[in-house]
Protein backbone atom coordinates (compact mmCIF):
# COMPACT_ATOMS: atom_id res chain seq x y z
CA UNK A 1 10.98 29.77 -41.78
CA UNK A 2 14.62 30.54 -40.99
CA UNK A 3 17.02 32.31 -43.29
CA UNK A 4 20.26 30.69 -44.39
CA UNK A 5 22.26 33.04 -42.20
CA UNK A 6 20.23 32.10 -39.13
CA UNK A 7 20.73 28.39 -39.78
CA UNK A 8 24.48 28.85 -40.24
CA UNK A 9 24.66 30.89 -37.03
CA UNK A 10 22.68 28.23 -35.13
CA UNK A 11 24.94 25.44 -36.38
CA UNK A 12 28.14 27.33 -35.53
CA UNK A 13 26.79 28.33 -32.13
CA UNK A 14 25.86 24.72 -31.34
CA UNK A 15 29.31 23.45 -32.37
CA UNK A 16 31.09 26.15 -30.33
CA UNK A 17 28.82 25.48 -27.33
CA UNK A 18 29.54 21.74 -27.38
CA UNK A 19 33.30 22.36 -27.65
CA UNK A 20 33.31 24.83 -24.75
CA UNK A 21 31.20 22.56 -22.53
CA UNK A 22 33.44 19.57 -23.31
CA UNK A 23 36.65 21.46 -22.55
CA UNK A 24 35.22 22.87 -19.33
CA UNK A 25 34.07 19.43 -18.20
CA UNK A 26 37.49 17.91 -18.89
CA UNK A 27 39.16 20.72 -16.95
CA UNK A 28 36.90 20.31 -13.91
CA UNK A 29 36.61 16.50 -13.98
CA UNK A 30 39.01 15.85 -11.09
CA UNK A 31 37.40 18.60 -8.99
CA UNK A 32 33.96 17.07 -9.53
CA UNK A 33 35.18 13.62 -8.48
CA UNK A 34 36.56 15.10 -5.27
CA UNK A 35 33.59 17.26 -4.28
CA UNK A 36 30.64 15.19 -5.52
CA UNK A 37 31.35 11.74 -4.11
CA UNK A 38 28.19 9.70 -3.61
CA UNK A 39 25.96 11.80 -5.86
CA UNK A 40 24.95 8.74 -7.87
CA UNK A 41 23.17 7.38 -4.77
CA UNK A 42 21.06 10.53 -4.56
CA UNK A 43 20.07 10.09 -8.21
CA UNK A 44 19.27 6.41 -7.72
CA UNK A 45 17.19 7.22 -4.63
CA UNK A 46 15.27 9.91 -6.49
CA UNK A 47 14.51 7.62 -9.43
CA UNK A 48 13.40 4.82 -7.09
CA UNK A 49 11.14 7.26 -5.22
CA UNK A 50 9.46 8.30 -8.49
CA UNK A 51 9.02 4.65 -9.51
CA UNK A 52 7.47 3.83 -6.13
CA UNK A 53 5.04 6.74 -6.50
CA UNK A 54 3.94 5.49 -9.92
CA UNK A 55 3.56 1.95 -8.57
CA UNK A 56 1.39 3.19 -5.68
CA UNK A 57 -0.74 5.18 -8.10
CA UNK A 58 -1.13 2.17 -10.40
CA UNK A 59 -2.08 -0.27 -7.62
CA UNK A 60 -4.50 2.10 -5.91
CA UNK A 61 -6.20 2.86 -9.22
CA UNK A 62 -6.86 -0.84 -9.95
């Protein structure tokens, strides 16, 4: 399905992508901590909202 050259390119691209993303994250880590305080509560609220919706659907169906 894929040639050997395409598979090698995909593997090298993936490795380079992971390295670049990791280095960028490490560089911006302190900036993210400063500017995105409290973001975990937004995520928790969103997940709880989705769980509540599924619970309502389940109980109204039965």
